[in-house]
Structures are given as C-alpha cells and as structure tokens.
Amino acid sequence: MKTSQYYKDNPEAYAKKKLYDKKYNSSDKATKKRTKLNKFNRQKGTYGNGDGLDACEKKYKNKIKITFCKRRKNRADKNDMPGDKKARGKN
C-alpha cells in the first residue's frame, strides 16, 4: 500500500518504473522463466482456475524446483532466490 501511494503521488517515478518493467519483462531471461512457469501450471491443469496459487521456483538442496505457492507469498518473497534479495534489499 505504501508503494502504490508513493507512485500515485509521484507520477514521474511511476513512469520511470513502467519503462524499467517493460524492458525487464521483455528480456529473454524473464520471458523464458515466465514461459516455463506457465507451462508447468497448464500441465498441472491449474492455470486460470482461481485457486490463488502461482507456479514458482524454490531453492531445494542447491537445486531450483518448480512448485506451487500462494500468489501473495510468491510475489512478496525476498528470501528465496538471489534475484529477489537483490531486487528488494536486505529487509
């Protein structure tokens, strides 16, 4: 909620974020990851069923495993993957 309020109050910062997100989400790395997770979700028959779960990558014994996790937890997790830690900082 704090973030959304910040972007409402600072439209130039929101425009800058949208440009960054557009560039990142169109990268080959992000596209391949998104495709892999969507394929897993479709194979399990849970794509678009409204169950509140996302296909996600979890680190398990030094390997990355695809599994399901709650949507909110997946999109806010800052402890699981190195990219999450870099994106969200130490807290």
PDB file of N, CA and C in Angstrom:
ATOM      1  N   MET A   1       0.818  -1.188   0.000  1.00  0.00           N
ATOM      2  CA  MET A   1       0.000   0.000   0.000  1.00  0.00           C
ATOM      3  C   MET A   1       0.867   1.260   0.000  1.00  0.00           C
ATOM      4  N   LYS A   2       1.972   1.225   0.697  1.00  0.00           N
ATOM      5  CA  LYS A   2       2.848   2.385   0.724  1.00  0.00           C
ATOM      6  C   LYS A   2       3.415   2.660  -0.668  1.00  0.00           C
ATOM      7  N   THR A   3       3.768   1.597  -1.384  1.00  0.00           N
ATOM      8  CA  THR A   3       4.334   1.757  -2.714  1.00  0.00           C
ATOM      9  C   THR A   3       3.318   2.353  -3.675  1.00  0.00           C
ATOM     10  N   SER A   4       2.097   1.833  -3.646  1.00  0.00           N
ATOM     11  CA  SER A   4       1.082   2.348  -4.559  1.00  0.00           C
ATOM     12  C   SER A   4       0.779   3.823  -4.268  1.00  0.00           C
ATOM     13  N   GLN A   5       0.777   4.185  -3.002  1.00  0.00           N
ATOM     14  CA  GLN A   5       0.543   5.590  -2.644  1.00  0.00           C
ATOM     15  C   GLN A   5       1.696   6.466  -3.135  1.00  0.00           C
ATOM     16  N   TYR A   6       2.924   5.966  -3.015  1.00  0.00           N
ATOM     17  CA  TYR A   6       4.082   6.715  -3.495  1.00  0.00           C
ATOM     18  C   TYR A   6       3.967   6.984  -4.989  1.00  0.00           C
ATOM     19  N   TYR A   7       3.603   5.948  -5.750  1.00  0.00           N
ATOM     20  CA  TYR A   7       3.501   6.123  -7.201  1.00  0.00           C
ATOM     21  C   TYR A   7       2.328   7.011  -7.591  1.00  0.00           C
ATOM     22  N   LYS A   8       1.267   7.039  -6.789  1.00  0.00           N
ATOM     23  CA  LYS A   8       0.168   7.973  -7.058  1.00  0.00           C
ATOM     24  C   LYS A   8       0.632   9.412  -6.853  1.00  0.00           C
ATOM     25  N   ASP A   9       1.464   9.608  -5.838  1.00  0.00           N
ATOM     26  CA  ASP A   9       1.958  10.952  -5.523  1.00  0.00           C
ATOM     27  C   ASP A   9       3.109  11.388  -6.421  1.00  0.00           C
ATOM     28  N   ASN A  10       3.784  10.438  -7.090  1.00  0.00           N
ATOM     29  CA  ASN A  10       4.950  10.740  -7.922  1.00  0.00           C
ATOM     30  C   ASN A  10       4.808  10.100  -9.303  1.00  0.00           C
ATOM     31  N   PRO A  11       4.024  10.703 -10.177  1.00  0.00           N
ATOM     32  CA  PRO A  11       3.781  10.089 -11.489  1.00  0.00           C
ATOM     33  C   PRO A  11       5.040   9.952 -12.343  1.00  0.00           C
ATOM     34  N   GLU A  12       6.024  10.827 -12.159  1.00  0.00           N
ATOM     35  CA  GLU A  12       7.248  10.705 -12.944  1.00  0.00           C
ATOM     36  C   GLU A  12       8.044   9.473 -12.512  1.00  0.00           C
ATOM     37  N   ALA A  13       8.024   9.154 -11.219  1.00  0.00           N
ATOM     38  CA  ALA A  13       8.681   7.939 -10.739  1.00  0.00           C
ATOM     39  C   ALA A  13       7.950   6.701 -11.258  1.00  0.00           C
ATOM     40  N   TYR A  14       6.620   6.777 -11.327  1.00  0.00           N
ATOM     41  CA  TYR A  14       5.834   5.650 -11.838  1.00  0.00           C
ATOM     42  C   TYR A  14       6.124   5.422 -13.318  1.00  0.00           C
ATOM     43  N   ALA A  15       6.270   6.498 -14.073  1.00  0.00           N
ATOM     44  CA  ALA A  15       6.592   6.375 -15.497  1.00  0.00           C
ATOM     45  C   ALA A  15       7.964   5.721 -15.679  1.00  0.00           C
ATOM     46  N   LYS A  16       8.929   6.103 -14.831  1.00  0.00           N
ATOM     47  CA  LYS A  16      10.261   5.515 -14.887  1.00  0.00           C
ATOM     48  C   LYS A  16      10.206   4.023 -14.555  1.00  0.00           C
ATOM     49  N   LYS A  17       9.411   3.654 -13.555  1.00  0.00           N
ATOM     50  CA  LYS A  17       9.252   2.244 -13.175  1.00  0.00           C
ATOM     51  C   LYS A  17       8.618   1.442 -14.307  1.00  0.00           C
ATOM     52  N   LYS A  18       7.612   2.014 -14.958  1.00  0.00           N
ATOM     53  CA  LYS A  18       6.950   1.314 -16.053  1.00  0.00           C
ATOM     54  C   LYS A  18       7.915   1.046 -17.204  1.00  0.00           C
ATOM     55  N   LEU A  19       8.786   1.998 -17.499  1.00  0.00           N
ATOM     56  CA  LEU A  19       9.787   1.795 -18.544  1.00  0.00           C
ATOM     57  C   LEU A  19      10.760   0.675 -18.175  1.00  0.00           C
ATOM     58  N   TYR A  20      11.201   0.677 -16.911  1.00  0.00           N
ATOM     59  CA  TYR A  20      12.113  -0.374 -16.457  1.00  0.00           C
ATOM     60  C   TYR A  20      11.433  -1.746 -16.524  1.00  0.00           C
ATOM     61  N   ASP A  21      10.194  -1.829 -16.028  1.00  0.00           N
ATOM     62  CA  ASP A  21       9.461  -3.099 -16.031  1.00  0.00           C
ATOM     63  C   ASP A  21       9.260  -3.619 -17.452  1.00  0.00           C
ATOM     64  N   LYS A  22       8.963  -2.714 -18.361  1.00  0.00           N
ATOM     65  CA  LYS A  22       8.760  -3.106 -19.759  1.00  0.00           C
ATOM     66  C   LYS A  22      10.044  -3.702 -20.336  1.00  0.00           C
ATOM     67  N   LYS A  23      11.162  -3.071 -20.038  1.00  0.00           N
ATOM     68  CA  LYS A  23      12.450  -3.563 -20.540  1.00  0.00           C
ATOM     69  C   LYS A  23      12.803  -4.906 -19.908  1.00  0.00           C
ATOM     70  N   TYR A  24      12.620  -5.027 -18.589  1.00  0.00           N
ATOM     71  CA  TYR A  24      12.964  -6.270 -17.895  1.00  0.00           C
ATOM     72  C   TYR A  24      12.060  -7.422 -18.343  1.00  0.00           C
ATOM     73  N   ASN A  25      10.760  -7.194 -18.399  1.00  0.00           N
ATOM     74  CA  ASN A  25       9.816  -8.259 -18.732  1.00  0.00           C
ATOM     75  C   ASN A  25       9.923  -8.725 -20.175  1.00  0.00           C
ATOM     76  N   SER A  26      10.525  -7.928 -21.040  1.00  0.00           N
ATOM     77  CA  SER A  26      10.697  -8.347 -22.429  1.00  0.00           C
ATOM     78  C   SER A  26      12.060  -9.007 -22.665  1.00  0.00           C
ATOM     79  N   SER A  27      12.890  -9.077 -21.610  1.00  0.00           N
ATOM     80  CA  SER A  27      14.204  -9.711 -21.767  1.00  0.00           C
ATOM     81  C   SER A  27      14.041 -11.217 -21.967  1.00  0.00           C
ATOM     82  N   ASP A  28      15.028 -11.830 -22.589  1.00  0.00           N
ATOM     83  CA  ASP A  28      14.977 -13.274 -22.846  1.00  0.00           C
ATOM     84  C   ASP A  28      14.893 -14.070 -21.546  1.00  0.00           C
ATOM     85  N   LYS A  29      15.638 -13.650 -20.547  1.00  0.00           N
ATOM     86  CA  LYS A  29      15.654 -14.366 -19.273  1.00  0.00           C
ATOM     87  C   LYS A  29      14.265 -14.381 -18.622  1.00  0.00           C
ATOM     88  N   ALA A  30      13.625 -13.228 -18.554  1.00  0.00           N
ATOM     89  CA  ALA A  30      12.304 -13.139 -17.931  1.00  0.00           C
ATOM     90  C   ALA A  30      11.252 -13.878 -18.750  1.00  0.00           C
ATOM     91  N   THR A  31      11.356 -13.794 -20.069  1.00  0.00           N
ATOM     92  CA  THR A  31      10.399 -14.468 -20.940  1.00  0.00           C
ATOM     93  C   THR A  31      10.494 -15.980 -20.791  1.00  0.00           C
ATOM     94  N   LYS A  32      11.717 -16.511 -20.750  1.00  0.00           N
ATOM     95  CA  LYS A  32      11.905 -17.958 -20.601  1.00  0.00           C
ATOM     96  C   LYS A  32      11.376 -18.444 -19.252  1.00  0.00           C
ATOM     97  N   LYS A  33      11.647 -17.699 -18.198  1.00  0.00           N
ATOM     98  CA  LYS A  33      11.166 -18.087 -16.868  1.00  0.00           C
ATOM     99  C   LYS A  33       9.645 -18.083 -16.827  1.00  0.00           C
ATOM    100  N   ARG A  34       9.042 -17.029 -17.346  1.00  0.00           N
ATOM    101  CA  ARG A  34       7.581 -16.909 -17.364  1.00  0.00           C
ATOM    102  C   ARG A  34       6.954 -18.030 -18.184  1.00  0.00           C
ATOM    103  N   THR A  35       7.557 -18.352 -19.327  1.00  0.00           N
ATOM    104  CA  THR A  35       7.057 -19.425 -20.189  1.00  0.00           C
ATOM    105  C   THR A  35       7.134 -20.770 -19.481  1.00  0.00           C
ATOM    106  N   LYS A  36       8.255 -21.021 -18.807  1.00  0.00           N
ATOM    107  CA  LYS A  36       8.450 -22.293 -18.103  1.00  0.00           C
ATOM    108  C   LYS A  36       7.415 -22.467 -16.987  1.00  0.00           C
ATOM    109  N   LEU A  37       7.182 -21.403 -16.225  1.00  0.00           N
ATOM    110  CA  LEU A  37       6.224 -21.491 -15.119  1.00  0.00           C
ATOM    111  C   LEU A  37       4.789 -21.622 -15.624  1.00  0.00           C
ATOM    112  N   ASN A  38       4.446 -20.925 -16.702  1.00  0.00           N
ATOM    113  CA  ASN A  38       3.108 -21.056 -17.285  1.00  0.00           C
ATOM    114  C   ASN A  38       2.882 -22.463 -17.824  1.00  0.00           C
ATOM    115  N   LYS A  39       3.894 -23.034 -18.457  1.00  0.00           N
ATOM    116  CA  LYS A  39       3.785 -24.391 -18.990  1.00  0.00           C
ATOM    117  C   LYS A  39       3.540 -25.391 -17.860  1.00  0.00           C
ATOM    118  N   PHE A  40       4.276 -25.254 -16.762  1.00  0.00           N
ATOM    119  CA  PHE A  40       4.091 -26.125 -15.607  1.00  0.00           C
ATOM    120  C   PHE A  40       2.668 -26.008 -15.073  1.00  0.00           C
ATOM    121  N   ASN A  41       2.186 -24.783 -14.953  1.00  0.00           N
ATOM    122  CA  ASN A  41       0.839 -24.529 -14.425  1.00  0.00           C
ATOM    123  C   ASN A  41      -0.226 -25.148 -15.333  1.00  0.00           C
ATOM    124  N   ARG A  42      -0.058 -25.031 -16.631  1.00  0.00           N
ATOM    125  CA  ARG A  42      -1.015 -25.611 -17.579  1.00  0.00           C
ATOM    126  C   ARG A  42      -0.982 -27.144 -17.545  1.00  0.00           C
ATOM    127  N   GLN A  43       0.211 -27.713 -17.428  1.00  0.00           N
ATOM    128  CA  GLN A  43       0.332 -29.171 -17.378  1.00  0.00           C
ATOM    129  C   GLN A  43      -0.369 -29.751 -16.155  1.00  0.00           C
ATOM    130  N   LYS A  44      -0.342 -29.030 -15.056  1.00  0.00           N
ATOM    131  CA  LYS A  44      -0.991 -29.486 -13.831  1.00  0.00           C
ATOM    132  C   LYS A  44      -2.493 -29.223 -13.863  1.00  0.00           C
ATOM    133  N   GLY A  45      -2.958 -28.499 -14.884  1.00  0.00           N
ATOM    134  CA  GLY A  45      -4.388 -28.230 -15.023  1.00  0.00           C
ATOM    135  C   GLY A  45      -4.919 -27.175 -14.078  1.00  0.00           C
ATOM    136  N   THR A  46      -4.045 -26.324 -13.586  1.00  0.00           N
ATOM    137  CA  THR A  46      -4.480 -25.321 -12.616  1.00  0.00           C
ATOM    138  C   THR A  46      -4.401 -23.899 -13.161  1.00  0.00           C
ATOM    139  N   TYR A  47      -4.077 -23.743 -14.421  1.00  0.00           N
ATOM    140  CA  TYR A  47      -3.927 -22.400 -14.996  1.00  0.00           C
ATOM    141  C   TYR A  47      -5.290 -21.727 -15.097  1.00  0.00           C
ATOM    142  N   GLY A  48      -5.454 -20.594 -14.447  1.00  0.00           N
ATOM    143  CA  GLY A  48      -6.676 -19.802 -14.558  1.00  0.00           C
ATOM    144  C   GLY A  48      -7.869 -20.355 -13.803  1.00  0.00           C
ATOM    145  N   ASN A  49      -7.647 -21.233 -12.828  1.00  0.00           N
ATOM    146  CA  ASN A  49      -8.791 -21.795 -12.108  1.00  0.00           C
ATOM    147  C   ASN A  49      -9.164 -21.002 -10.860  1.00  0.00           C
ATOM    148  N   GLY A  50      -8.435 -19.930 -10.561  1.00  0.00           N
ATOM    149  CA  GLY A  50      -8.780 -19.063  -9.436  1.00  0.00           C
ATOM    150  C   GLY A  50      -8.438 -19.647  -8.076  1.00  0.00           C
ATOM    151  N   ASP A  51      -7.505 -20.573  -8.005  1.00  0.00           N
ATOM    152  CA  ASP A  51      -7.163 -21.195  -6.723  1.00  0.00           C
ATOM    153  C   ASP A  51      -6.220 -20.340  -5.874  1.00  0.00           C
ATOM    154  N   GLY A  52      -5.734 -19.233  -6.420  1.00  0.00           N
ATOM    155  CA  GLY A  52      -4.853 -18.340  -5.655  1.00  0.00           C
ATOM    156  C   GLY A  52      -3.423 -18.827  -5.562  1.00  0.00           C
ATOM    157  N   LEU A  53      -3.035 -19.805  -6.398  1.00  0.00           N
ATOM    158  CA  LEU A  53      -1.682 -20.330  -6.376  1.00  0.00           C
ATOM    159  C   LEU A  53      -0.939 -19.957  -7.649  1.00  0.00           C
ATOM    160  N   ASP A  54       0.362 -19.750  -7.515  1.00  0.00           N
ATOM    161  CA  ASP A  54       1.254 -19.491  -8.636  1.00  0.00           C
ATOM    162  C   ASP A  54       2.256 -20.626  -8.737  1.00  0.00           C
ATOM    163  N   ALA A  55       2.677 -20.917  -9.940  1.00  0.00           N
ATOM    164  CA  ALA A  55       3.838 -21.786 -10.108  1.00  0.00           C
ATOM    165  C   ALA A  55       5.047 -20.926  -9.762  1.00  0.00           C
ATOM    166  N   CYS A  56       5.950 -21.460  -8.951  1.00  0.00           N
ATOM    167  CA  CYS A  56       7.095 -20.665  -8.518  1.00  0.00           C
ATOM    168  C   CYS A  56       8.335 -21.549  -8.444  1.00  0.00           C
ATOM    169  N   GLU A  57       9.466 -20.912  -8.484  1.00  0.00           N
ATOM    170  CA  GLU A  57      10.738 -21.604  -8.356  1.00  0.00           C
ATOM    171  C   GLU A  57      11.211 -21.490  -6.916  1.00  0.00           C
ATOM    172  N   LYS A  58      11.523 -22.621  -6.314  1.00  0.00           N
ATOM    173  CA  LYS A  58      12.035 -22.645  -4.948  1.00  0.00           C
ATOM    174  C   LYS A  58      13.381 -23.347  -4.931  1.00  0.00           C
ATOM    175  N   LYS A  59      14.281 -22.846  -4.124  1.00  0.00           N
ATOM    176  CA  LYS A  59      15.588 -23.475  -3.981  1.00  0.00           C
ATOM    177  C   LYS A  59      15.450 -24.629  -2.997  1.00  0.00           C
ATOM    178  N   TYR A  60      15.878 -25.835  -3.424  1.00  0.00           N
ATOM    179  CA  TYR A  60      15.776 -27.027  -2.600  1.00  0.00           C
ATOM    180  C   TYR A  60      17.036 -27.846  -2.780  1.00  0.00           C
ATOM    181  N   LYS A  61      17.840 -27.961  -1.734  1.00  0.00           N
ATOM    182  CA  LYS A  61      19.108 -28.698  -1.771  1.00  0.00           C
ATOM    183  C   LYS A  61      19.980 -28.255  -2.946  1.00  0.00           C
ATOM    184  N   ASN A  62      20.191 -26.945  -3.053  1.00  0.00           N
ATOM    185  CA  ASN A  62      21.035 -26.332  -4.084  1.00  0.00           C
ATOM    186  C   ASN A  62      20.526 -26.553  -5.503  1.00  0.00           C
ATOM    187  N   LYS A  63      19.275 -26.931  -5.662  1.00  0.00           N
ATOM    188  CA  LYS A  63      18.652 -27.039  -6.977  1.00  0.00           C
ATOM    189  C   LYS A  63      17.397 -26.193  -6.973  1.00  0.00           C
ATOM    190  N   ILE A  64      17.006 -25.746  -8.132  1.00  0.00           N
ATOM    191  CA  ILE A  64      15.780 -24.965  -8.247  1.00  0.00           C
ATOM    192  C   ILE A  64      14.664 -25.910  -8.671  1.00  0.00           C
ATOM    193  N   LYS A  65      13.612 -25.936  -7.876  1.00  0.00           N
ATOM    194  CA  LYS A  65      12.492 -26.836  -8.097  1.00  0.00           C
ATOM    195  C   LYS A  65      11.241 -26.002  -8.378  1.00  0.00           C
ATOM    196  N   ILE A  66      10.445 -26.420  -9.349  1.00  0.00           N
ATOM    197  CA  ILE A  66       9.193 -25.723  -9.642  1.00  0.00           C
ATOM    198  C   ILE A  66       8.087 -26.355  -8.817  1.00  0.00           C
ATOM    199  N   THR A  67       7.337 -25.524  -8.116  1.00  0.00           N
ATOM    200  CA  THR A  67       6.255 -25.994  -7.272  1.00  0.00           C
ATOM    201  C   THR A  67       5.162 -24.927  -7.240  1.00  0.00           C
ATOM    202  N   PHE A  68       4.146 -25.134  -6.434  1.00  0.00           N
ATOM    203  CA  PHE A  68       3.093 -24.137  -6.267  1.00  0.00           C
ATOM    204  C   PHE A  68       3.264 -23.436  -4.933  1.00  0.00           C
ATOM    205  N   CYS A  69       2.955 -22.155  -4.911  1.00  0.00           N
ATOM    206  CA  CYS A  69       2.932 -21.412  -3.668  1.00  0.00           C
ATOM    207  C   CYS A  69       1.852 -20.343  -3.769  1.00  0.00           C
ATOM    208  N   LYS A  70       1.443 -19.828  -2.633  1.00  0.00           N
ATOM    209  CA  LYS A  70       0.393 -18.819  -2.627  1.00  0.00           C
ATOM    210  C   LYS A  70       0.856 -17.589  -3.393  1.00  0.00           C
ATOM    211  N   ARG A  71      -0.061 -17.018  -4.143  1.00  0.00           N
ATOM    212  CA  ARG A  71       0.258 -15.893  -5.009  1.00  0.00           C
ATOM    213  C   ARG A  71       0.891 -14.746  -4.225  1.00  0.00           C
ATOM    214  N   ARG A  72       0.309 -14.399  -3.109  1.00  0.00           N
ATOM    215  CA  ARG A  72       0.810 -13.271  -2.339  1.00  0.00           C
ATOM    216  C   ARG A  72       2.221 -13.547  -1.804  1.00  0.00           C
ATOM    217  N   LYS A  73       2.448 -14.745  -1.315  1.00  0.00           N
ATOM    218  CA  LYS A  73       3.772 -15.106  -0.796  1.00  0.00           C
ATOM    219  C   LYS A  73       4.810 -15.097  -1.916  1.00  0.00           C
ATOM    220  N   ASN A  74       4.441 -15.630  -3.054  1.00  0.00           N
ATOM    221  CA  ASN A  74       5.363 -15.711  -4.182  1.00  0.00           C
ATOM    222  C   ASN A  74       5.791 -14.324  -4.647  1.00  0.00           C
ATOM    223  N   ARG A  75       4.875 -13.404  -4.683  1.00  0.00           N
ATOM    224  CA  ARG A  75       5.176 -12.077  -5.219  1.00  0.00           C
ATOM    225  C   ARG A  75       5.802 -11.157  -4.190  1.00  0.00           C
ATOM    226  N   ALA A  76       5.880 -11.589  -2.949  1.00  0.00           N
ATOM    227  CA  ALA A  76       6.483 -10.764  -1.911  1.00  0.00           C
ATOM    228  C   ALA A  76       7.686 -11.427  -1.265  1.00  0.00           C
ATOM    229  N   ASP A  77       8.079 -12.600  -1.734  1.00  0.00           N
ATOM    230  CA  ASP A  77       9.155 -13.354  -1.104  1.00  0.00           C
ATOM    231  C   ASP A  77      10.510 -12.714  -1.392  1.00  0.00           C
ATOM    232  N   LYS A  78      11.219 -12.349  -0.337  1.00  0.00           N
ATOM    233  CA  LYS A  78      12.527 -11.733  -0.531  1.00  0.00           C
ATOM    234  C   LYS A  78      13.655 -12.598  -0.002  1.00  0.00           C
ATOM    235  N   ASN A  79      13.358 -13.824   0.375  1.00  0.00           N
ATOM    236  CA  ASN A  79      14.384 -14.678   0.961  1.00  0.00           C
ATOM    237  C   ASN A  79      14.714 -15.895   0.124  1.00  0.00           C
ATOM    238  N   ASP A  80      13.959 -16.151  -0.921  1.00  0.00           N
ATOM    239  CA  ASP A  80      14.074 -17.435  -1.586  1.00  0.00           C
ATOM    240  C   ASP A  80      15.144 -17.488  -2.668  1.00  0.00           C
ATOM    241  N   MET A  81      15.160 -16.537  -3.557  1.00  0.00           N
ATOM    242  CA  MET A  81      16.069 -16.589  -4.700  1.00  0.00           C
ATOM    243  C   MET A  81      16.996 -15.375  -4.676  1.00  0.00           C
ATOM    244  N   PRO A  82      18.199 -15.493  -5.243  1.00  0.00           N
ATOM    245  CA  PRO A  82      19.140 -14.375  -5.230  1.00  0.00           C
ATOM    246  C   PRO A  82      18.581 -13.119  -5.887  1.00  0.00           C
ATOM    247  N   GLY A  83      17.825 -13.266  -6.960  1.00  0.00           N
ATOM    248  CA  GLY A  83      17.243 -12.106  -7.629  1.00  0.00           C
ATOM    249  C   GLY A  83      16.264 -11.367  -6.737  1.00  0.00           C
ATOM    250  N   ASP A  84      15.530 -12.111  -5.905  1.00  0.00           N
ATOM    251  CA  ASP A  84      14.589 -11.490  -5.001  1.00  0.00           C
ATOM    252  C   ASP A  84      15.323 -10.630  -3.978  1.00  0.00           C
ATOM    253  N   LYS A  85      16.433 -11.153  -3.470  1.00  0.00           N
ATOM    254  CA  LYS A  85      17.197 -10.400  -2.482  1.00  0.00           C
ATOM    255  C   LYS A  85      17.759  -9.124  -3.078  1.00  0.00           C
ATOM    256  N   LYS A  86      18.255  -9.211  -4.316  1.00  0.00           N
ATOM    257  CA  LYS A  86      18.819  -8.035  -4.958  1.00  0.00           C
ATOM    258  C   LYS A  86      17.749  -6.999  -5.240  1.00  0.00           C
ATOM    259  N   ALA A  87      16.578  -7.452  -5.641  1.00  0.00           N
ATOM    260  CA  ALA A  87      15.517  -6.528  -6.022  1.00  0.00           C
ATOM    261  C   ALA A  87      14.911  -5.828  -4.821  1.00  0.00           C
ATOM    262  N   ARG A  88      14.836  -6.510  -3.676  1.00  0.00           N
ATOM    263  CA  ARG A  88      14.105  -5.962  -2.546  1.00  0.00           C
ATOM    264  C   ARG A  88      15.000  -5.499  -1.406  1.00  0.00           C
ATOM    265  N   GLY A  89      16.278  -5.659  -1.514  1.00  0.00           N
ATOM    266  CA  GLY A  89      17.177  -5.186  -0.473  1.00  0.00           C
ATOM    267  C   GLY A  89      17.283  -6.148   0.698  1.00  0.00           C
ATOM    268  N   LYS A  90      17.807  -5.687   1.797  1.00  0.00           N
ATOM    269  CA  LYS A  90      18.087  -6.553   2.936  1.00  0.00           C
ATOM    270  C   LYS A  90      16.873  -6.855   3.782  1.00  0.00           C
ATOM    271  N   ASN A  91      15.897  -5.970   3.834  1.00  0.00           N
ATOM    272  CA  ASN A  91      14.717  -6.157   4.701  1.00  0.00           C
ATOM    273  C   ASN A  91      13.626  -6.914   4.006  1.00  0.00           C
TER     274      ASN A  91
END
